[in-house]
All heavy atoms as atom14 arrays in JSON, in Angstrom:
{
  "sequence": "PSHAHDGITESYICLSGSVSENNQGVYSPGSMIFN",
  "atom14_mask": [
    [1, 1, 1, 1, 1, 1, 1, 0, 0, 0, 0, 0, 0, 0],
    [1, 1, 1, 1, 1, 1, 0, 0, 0, 0, 0, 0, 0, 0],
    [1, 1, 1, 1, 1, 1, 1, 1, 1, 1, 0, 0, 0, 0],
    [1, 1, 1, 1, 1, 0, 0, 0, 0, 0, 0, 0, 0, 0],
    [1, 1, 1, 1, 1, 1, 1, 1, 1, 1, 0, 0, 0, 0],
    [1, 1, 1, 1, 1, 1, 1, 1, 0, 0, 0, 0, 0, 0],
    [1, 1, 1, 1, 0, 0, 0, 0, 0, 0, 0, 0, 0, 0],
    [1, 1, 1, 1, 1, 1, 1, 1, 0, 0, 0, 0, 0, 0],
    [1, 1, 1, 1, 1, 1, 1, 0, 0, 0, 0, 0, 0, 0],
    [1, 1, 1, 1, 1, 1, 1, 1, 1, 0, 0, 0, 0, 0],
    [1, 1, 1, 1, 1, 1, 0, 0, 0, 0, 0, 0, 0, 0],
    [1, 1, 1, 1, 1, 1, 1, 1, 1, 1, 1, 1, 0, 0],
    [1, 1, 1, 1, 1, 1, 1, 1, 0, 0, 0, 0, 0, 0],
    [1, 1, 1, 1, 1, 1, 0, 0, 0, 0, 0, 0, 0, 0],
    [1, 1, 1, 1, 1, 1, 1, 1, 0, 0, 0, 0, 0, 0],
    [1, 1, 1, 1, 1, 1, 0, 0, 0, 0, 0, 0, 0, 0],
    [1, 1, 1, 1, 0, 0, 0, 0, 0, 0, 0, 0, 0, 0],
    [1, 1, 1, 1, 1, 1, 0, 0, 0, 0, 0, 0, 0, 0],
    [1, 1, 1, 1, 1, 1, 1, 0, 0, 0, 0, 0, 0, 0],
    [1, 1, 1, 1, 1, 1, 0, 0, 0, 0, 0, 0, 0, 0],
    [1, 1, 1, 1, 1, 1, 1, 1, 1, 0, 0, 0, 0, 0],
    [1, 1, 1, 1, 1, 1, 1, 1, 0, 0, 0, 0, 0, 0],
    [1, 1, 1, 1, 1, 1, 1, 1, 0, 0, 0, 0, 0, 0],
    [1, 1, 1, 1, 1, 1, 1, 1, 1, 0, 0, 0, 0, 0],
    [1, 1, 1, 1, 0, 0, 0, 0, 0, 0, 0, 0, 0, 0],
    [1, 1, 1, 1, 1, 1, 1, 0, 0, 0, 0, 0, 0, 0],
    [1, 1, 1, 1, 1, 1, 1, 1, 1, 1, 1, 1, 0, 0],
    [1, 1, 1, 1, 1, 1, 0, 0, 0, 0, 0, 0, 0, 0],
    [1, 1, 1, 1, 1, 1, 1, 0, 0, 0, 0, 0, 0, 0],
    [1, 1, 1, 1, 0, 0, 0, 0, 0, 0, 0, 0, 0, 0],
    [1, 1, 1, 1, 1, 1, 0, 0, 0, 0, 0, 0, 0, 0],
    [1, 1, 1, 1, 1, 1, 1, 1, 0, 0, 0, 0, 0, 0],
    [1, 1, 1, 1, 1, 1, 1, 1, 0, 0, 0, 0, 0, 0],
    [1, 1, 1, 1, 1, 1, 1, 1, 1, 1, 1, 0, 0, 0],
    [1, 1, 1, 1, 1, 1, 1, 1, 0, 0, 0, 0, 0, 0]
  ],
  "atom14_positions": [
    [[83.23, 108.8, 113.55], [82.31, 109.91, 113.28], [82.97, 111.29, 113.28], [84.06, 111.49, 113.83], [81.3, 109.8, 114.43], [81.4, 108.39, 114.9], [82.83, 108.0, 114.72], [0.0, 0.0, 0.0], [0.0, 0.0, 0.0], [0.0, 0.0, 0.0], [0.0, 0.0, 0.0], [0.0, 0.0, 0.0], [0.0, 0.0, 0.0], [0.0, 0.0, 0.0]],
    [[82.26, 112.24, 112.69], [82.74, 113.62, 112.62], [82.99, 114.19, 114.0], [82.18, 114.04, 114.91], [81.72, 114.49, 111.87], [81.59, 114.09, 110.53], [0.0, 0.0, 0.0], [0.0, 0.0, 0.0], [0.0, 0.0, 0.0], [0.0, 0.0, 0.0], [0.0, 0.0, 0.0], [0.0, 0.0, 0.0], [0.0, 0.0, 0.0], [0.0, 0.0, 0.0]],
    [[84.12, 114.86, 114.14], [84.5, 115.48, 115.41], [85.51, 116.57, 115.12], [85.99, 116.73, 114.0], [85.1, 114.43, 116.37], [86.4, 113.85, 115.89], [86.47, 112.98, 114.84], [87.66, 114.05, 116.33], [87.73, 112.65, 114.63], [88.48, 113.29, 115.53], [0.0, 0.0, 0.0], [0.0, 0.0, 0.0], [0.0, 0.0, 0.0], [0.0, 0.0, 0.0]],
    [[85.82, 117.37, 116.13], [86.78, 118.46, 115.99], [87.49, 118.67, 117.31], [87.07, 118.17, 118.35], [86.07, 119.73, 115.54], [0.0, 0.0, 0.0], [0.0, 0.0, 0.0], [0.0, 0.0, 0.0], [0.0, 0.0, 0.0], [0.0, 0.0, 0.0], [0.0, 0.0, 0.0], [0.0, 0.0, 0.0], [0.0, 0.0, 0.0], [0.0, 0.0, 0.0]],
    [[88.58, 119.43, 117.27], [89.38, 119.71, 118.46], [89.56, 121.23, 118.57], [90.29, 121.82, 117.76], [90.74, 119.03, 118.38], [90.69, 117.6, 117.95], [90.37, 116.57, 118.81], [90.9, 117.02, 116.73], [90.41, 115.43, 118.15], [90.72, 115.67, 116.89], [0.0, 0.0, 0.0], [0.0, 0.0, 0.0], [0.0, 0.0, 0.0], [0.0, 0.0, 0.0]],
    [[88.93, 121.85, 119.51], [89.04, 123.3, 119.68], [90.42, 123.67, 120.21], [90.91, 123.1, 121.19], [87.97, 123.81, 120.65], [86.56, 123.71, 120.07], [86.45, 123.72, 118.83], [85.6, 123.64, 120.85], [0.0, 0.0, 0.0], [0.0, 0.0, 0.0], [0.0, 0.0, 0.0], [0.0, 0.0, 0.0], [0.0, 0.0, 0.0], [0.0, 0.0, 0.0]],
    [[91.05, 124.64, 119.55], [92.33, 125.15, 120.02], [93.5, 124.21, 119.82], [94.59, 124.45, 120.36], [0.0, 0.0, 0.0], [0.0, 0.0, 0.0], [0.0, 0.0, 0.0], [0.0, 0.0, 0.0], [0.0, 0.0, 0.0], [0.0, 0.0, 0.0], [0.0, 0.0, 0.0], [0.0, 0.0, 0.0], [0.0, 0.0, 0.0], [0.0, 0.0, 0.0]],
    [[93.3, 123.17, 119.04], [94.35, 122.16, 118.85], [94.62, 121.99, 117.35], [93.69, 121.85, 116.55], [93.92, 120.79, 119.41], [93.73, 120.85, 120.93], [94.92, 119.71, 119.03], [95.01, 121.1, 121.7], [0.0, 0.0, 0.0], [0.0, 0.0, 0.0], [0.0, 0.0, 0.0], [0.0, 0.0, 0.0], [0.0, 0.0, 0.0], [0.0, 0.0, 0.0]],
    [[95.9, 122.02, 116.98], [96.3, 121.64, 115.62], [96.74, 120.18, 115.69], [97.57, 119.8, 116.51], [97.45, 122.52, 115.12], [97.04, 123.88, 115.13], [97.83, 122.13, 113.69], [0.0, 0.0, 0.0], [0.0, 0.0, 0.0], [0.0, 0.0, 0.0], [0.0, 0.0, 0.0], [0.0, 0.0, 0.0], [0.0, 0.0, 0.0], [0.0, 0.0, 0.0]],
    [[96.18, 119.39, 114.79], [96.36, 117.95, 114.84], [96.95, 117.42, 113.54], [96.64, 117.92, 112.45], [95.0, 117.28, 115.09], [95.0, 115.76, 114.99], [93.59, 115.2, 114.99], [92.82, 115.49, 114.04], [93.26, 114.48, 115.94], [0.0, 0.0, 0.0], [0.0, 0.0, 0.0], [0.0, 0.0, 0.0], [0.0, 0.0, 0.0], [0.0, 0.0, 0.0]],
    [[97.76, 116.4, 113.66], [98.2, 115.66, 112.48], [98.24, 114.18, 112.8], [98.46, 113.79, 113.94], [99.57, 116.14, 112.0], [100.54, 116.0, 113.03], [0.0, 0.0, 0.0], [0.0, 0.0, 0.0], [0.0, 0.0, 0.0], [0.0, 0.0, 0.0], [0.0, 0.0, 0.0], [0.0, 0.0, 0.0], [0.0, 0.0, 0.0], [0.0, 0.0, 0.0]],
    [[97.97, 113.39, 111.78], [98.12, 111.94, 111.85], [99.2, 111.54, 110.86], [99.26, 112.07, 109.75], [96.84, 111.22, 111.42], [95.62, 111.37, 112.28], [94.58, 112.21, 111.9], [95.48, 110.64, 113.46], [93.43, 112.32, 112.66], [94.33, 110.75, 114.24], [93.31, 111.59, 113.83], [92.18, 111.71, 114.59], [0.0, 0.0, 0.0], [0.0, 0.0, 0.0]],
    [[100.02, 110.57, 111.23], [100.92, 109.93, 110.28], [100.52, 108.46, 110.2], [100.48, 107.76, 111.22], [102.39, 110.04, 110.71], [102.82, 111.52, 110.74], [103.28, 109.26, 109.74], [104.24, 111.74, 111.24], [0.0, 0.0, 0.0], [0.0, 0.0, 0.0], [0.0, 0.0, 0.0], [0.0, 0.0, 0.0], [0.0, 0.0, 0.0], [0.0, 0.0, 0.0]],
    [[100.18, 108.02, 109.01], [99.74, 106.64, 108.83], [100.94, 105.7, 108.9], [101.9, 105.85, 108.14], [99.03, 106.51, 107.48], [98.28, 104.88, 107.21], [0.0, 0.0, 0.0], [0.0, 0.0, 0.0], [0.0, 0.0, 0.0], [0.0, 0.0, 0.0], [0.0, 0.0, 0.0], [0.0, 0.0, 0.0], [0.0, 0.0, 0.0], [0.0, 0.0, 0.0]],
    [[100.88, 104.75, 109.83], [101.95, 103.77, 110.0], [101.64, 102.44, 109.34], [102.54, 101.73, 108.91], [102.23, 103.54, 111.49], [102.64, 104.78, 112.3], [102.79, 104.42, 113.78], [103.94, 105.37, 111.77], [0.0, 0.0, 0.0], [0.0, 0.0, 0.0], [0.0, 0.0, 0.0], [0.0, 0.0, 0.0], [0.0, 0.0, 0.0], [0.0, 0.0, 0.0]],
    [[100.36, 102.07, 109.28], [99.95, 100.87, 108.55], [98.48, 100.99, 108.2], [97.72, 101.73, 108.83], [100.21, 99.6, 109.38], [99.3, 99.5, 110.46], [0.0, 0.0, 0.0], [0.0, 0.0, 0.0], [0.0, 0.0, 0.0], [0.0, 0.0, 0.0], [0.0, 0.0, 0.0], [0.0, 0.0, 0.0], [0.0, 0.0, 0.0], [0.0, 0.0, 0.0]],
    [[98.06, 100.22, 107.18], [96.68, 100.31, 106.72], [96.47, 101.53, 105.85], [97.41, 102.2, 105.42], [0.0, 0.0, 0.0], [0.0, 0.0, 0.0], [0.0, 0.0, 0.0], [0.0, 0.0, 0.0], [0.0, 0.0, 0.0], [0.0, 0.0, 0.0], [0.0, 0.0, 0.0], [0.0, 0.0, 0.0], [0.0, 0.0, 0.0], [0.0, 0.0, 0.0]],
    [[95.2, 101.83, 105.59], [94.87, 103.02, 104.8], [93.54, 103.58, 105.28], [92.64, 102.83, 105.68], [94.8, 102.7, 103.31], [93.82, 101.72, 103.04], [0.0, 0.0, 0.0], [0.0, 0.0, 0.0], [0.0, 0.0, 0.0], [0.0, 0.0, 0.0], [0.0, 0.0, 0.0], [0.0, 0.0, 0.0], [0.0, 0.0, 0.0], [0.0, 0.0, 0.0]],
    [[93.44, 104.91, 105.25], [92.23, 105.61, 105.69], [91.91, 106.73, 104.74], [92.75, 107.15, 103.92], [92.4, 106.19, 107.12], [92.73, 105.08, 108.12], [93.47, 107.27, 107.16], [0.0, 0.0, 0.0], [0.0, 0.0, 0.0], [0.0, 0.0, 0.0], [0.0, 0.0, 0.0], [0.0, 0.0, 0.0], [0.0, 0.0, 0.0], [0.0, 0.0, 0.0]],
    [[90.68, 107.23, 104.85], [90.27, 108.43, 104.12], [89.68, 109.4, 105.12], [89.06, 108.98, 106.11], [89.24, 108.08, 103.05], [88.8, 109.24, 102.37], [0.0, 0.0, 0.0], [0.0, 0.0, 0.0], [0.0, 0.0, 0.0], [0.0, 0.0, 0.0], [0.0, 0.0, 0.0], [0.0, 0.0, 0.0], [0.0, 0.0, 0.0], [0.0, 0.0, 0.0]],
    [[89.88, 110.7, 104.9], [89.28, 111.7, 105.76], [88.33, 112.56, 104.94], [88.72, 113.13, 103.91], [90.34, 112.59, 106.42], [89.72, 113.61, 107.38], [90.75, 114.47, 108.09], [91.3, 114.0, 109.1], [91.0, 115.6, 107.62], [0.0, 0.0, 0.0], [0.0, 0.0, 0.0], [0.0, 0.0, 0.0], [0.0, 0.0, 0.0], [0.0, 0.0, 0.0]],
    [[87.08, 112.64, 105.41], [86.05, 113.43, 104.72], [85.92, 113.06, 103.25], [85.58, 113.88, 102.4], [86.34, 114.94, 104.84], [86.27, 115.43, 106.28], [85.71, 114.75, 107.15], [86.83, 116.59, 106.55], [0.0, 0.0, 0.0], [0.0, 0.0, 0.0], [0.0, 0.0, 0.0], [0.0, 0.0, 0.0], [0.0, 0.0, 0.0], [0.0, 0.0, 0.0]],
    [[86.22, 111.79, 102.94], [86.1, 111.28, 101.57], [86.95, 112.07, 100.59], [86.62, 112.16, 99.4], [84.63, 111.29, 101.12], [83.76, 110.38, 101.96], [84.17, 109.27, 102.32], [82.57, 110.84, 102.31], [0.0, 0.0, 0.0], [0.0, 0.0, 0.0], [0.0, 0.0, 0.0], [0.0, 0.0, 0.0], [0.0, 0.0, 0.0], [0.0, 0.0, 0.0]],
    [[88.06, 112.63, 101.08], [88.92, 113.45, 100.23], [90.32, 112.84, 100.18], [91.21, 113.24, 100.91], [88.97, 114.9, 100.74], [87.6, 115.58, 100.69], [87.63, 116.97, 101.31], [88.56, 117.33, 102.02], [86.6, 117.76, 101.04], [0.0, 0.0, 0.0], [0.0, 0.0, 0.0], [0.0, 0.0, 0.0], [0.0, 0.0, 0.0], [0.0, 0.0, 0.0]],
    [[90.49, 111.86, 99.35], [91.79, 111.23, 99.2], [91.98, 110.05, 100.11], [91.26, 109.85, 101.08], [0.0, 0.0, 0.0], [0.0, 0.0, 0.0], [0.0, 0.0, 0.0], [0.0, 0.0, 0.0], [0.0, 0.0, 0.0], [0.0, 0.0, 0.0], [0.0, 0.0, 0.0], [0.0, 0.0, 0.0], [0.0, 0.0, 0.0], [0.0, 0.0, 0.0]],
    [[92.98, 109.23, 99.79], [93.32, 108.04, 100.56], [94.71, 108.22, 101.13], [95.65, 108.6, 100.42], [93.27, 106.77, 99.68], [93.69, 105.55, 100.48], [91.86, 106.58, 99.11], [0.0, 0.0, 0.0], [0.0, 0.0, 0.0], [0.0, 0.0, 0.0], [0.0, 0.0, 0.0], [0.0, 0.0, 0.0], [0.0, 0.0, 0.0], [0.0, 0.0, 0.0]],
    [[94.86, 107.93, 102.43], [96.14, 108.08, 103.11], [96.68, 106.7, 103.45], [96.06, 105.95, 104.2], [95.97, 108.92, 104.37], [95.48, 110.32, 104.09], [94.11, 110.6, 104.02], [96.38, 111.36, 103.85], [93.66, 111.89, 103.75], [95.94, 112.64, 103.57], [94.58, 112.9, 103.52], [94.13, 114.16, 103.24], [0.0, 0.0, 0.0], [0.0, 0.0, 0.0]],
    [[97.83, 106.37, 102.88], [98.48, 105.08, 103.09], [99.74, 105.29, 103.92], [100.1, 106.43, 104.26], [98.81, 104.46, 101.73], [99.6, 105.34, 100.96], [0.0, 0.0, 0.0], [0.0, 0.0, 0.0], [0.0, 0.0, 0.0], [0.0, 0.0, 0.0], [0.0, 0.0, 0.0], [0.0, 0.0, 0.0], [0.0, 0.0, 0.0], [0.0, 0.0, 0.0]],
    [[100.45, 104.21, 104.31], [101.62, 104.36, 105.17], [102.64, 105.37, 104.64], [102.98, 105.36, 103.46], [102.2, 102.95, 105.2], [101.0, 102.08, 105.08], [100.11, 102.79, 104.1], [0.0, 0.0, 0.0], [0.0, 0.0, 0.0], [0.0, 0.0, 0.0], [0.0, 0.0, 0.0], [0.0, 0.0, 0.0], [0.0, 0.0, 0.0], [0.0, 0.0, 0.0]],
    [[103.07, 106.25, 105.55], [104.02, 107.29, 105.19], [103.4, 108.63, 104.88], [104.1, 109.63, 104.71], [0.0, 0.0, 0.0], [0.0, 0.0, 0.0], [0.0, 0.0, 0.0], [0.0, 0.0, 0.0], [0.0, 0.0, 0.0], [0.0, 0.0, 0.0], [0.0, 0.0, 0.0], [0.0, 0.0, 0.0], [0.0, 0.0, 0.0], [0.0, 0.0, 0.0]],
    [[102.06, 108.69, 104.82], [101.38, 109.95, 104.5], [100.87, 110.62, 105.78], [100.71, 109.99, 106.81], [100.24, 109.72, 103.52], [99.32, 108.78, 104.04], [0.0, 0.0, 0.0], [0.0, 0.0, 0.0], [0.0, 0.0, 0.0], [0.0, 0.0, 0.0], [0.0, 0.0, 0.0], [0.0, 0.0, 0.0], [0.0, 0.0, 0.0], [0.0, 0.0, 0.0]],
    [[100.62, 111.93, 105.66], [100.16, 112.71, 106.79], [98.8, 113.33, 106.52], [98.53, 113.8, 105.4], [101.16, 113.84, 107.12], [100.66, 114.81, 108.19], [101.79, 116.2, 108.49], [103.03, 115.38, 109.47], [0.0, 0.0, 0.0], [0.0, 0.0, 0.0], [0.0, 0.0, 0.0], [0.0, 0.0, 0.0], [0.0, 0.0, 0.0], [0.0, 0.0, 0.0]],
    [[97.95, 113.34, 107.54], [96.68, 114.08, 107.52], [96.86, 115.27, 108.44], [97.33, 115.13, 109.58], [95.52, 113.21, 108.04], [95.42, 111.92, 107.25], [94.21, 113.99, 107.98], [94.39, 110.94, 107.8], [0.0, 0.0, 0.0], [0.0, 0.0, 0.0], [0.0, 0.0, 0.0], [0.0, 0.0, 0.0], [0.0, 0.0, 0.0], [0.0, 0.0, 0.0]],
    [[96.5, 116.45, 107.98], [96.64, 117.68, 108.76], [95.28, 118.29, 109.02], [94.49, 118.5, 108.1], [97.52, 118.68, 108.01], [97.64, 120.02, 108.68], [98.45, 120.17, 109.8], [96.95, 121.11, 108.19], [98.56, 121.41, 110.42], [97.06, 122.35, 108.8], [97.86, 122.5, 109.93], [0.0, 0.0, 0.0], [0.0, 0.0, 0.0], [0.0, 0.0, 0.0]],
    [[94.99, 118.57, 110.3], [93.72, 119.17, 110.69], [93.96, 120.43, 111.53], [94.43, 120.33, 112.67], [92.88, 118.18, 111.5], [92.44, 116.98, 110.68], [91.98, 117.12, 109.55], [92.59, 115.79, 111.24], [0.0, 0.0, 0.0], [0.0, 0.0, 0.0], [0.0, 0.0, 0.0], [0.0, 0.0, 0.0], [0.0, 0.0, 0.0], [0.0, 0.0, 0.0]]
  ]
}
């Protein structure tokens, strides 16, 4: 579900599988999500 982190800069690096964030693109292994 939707959530946020106050005062924190966050990144995810996909190691396996695939995900989408906010229905804006697909992130597969080797890609980064920046929040």
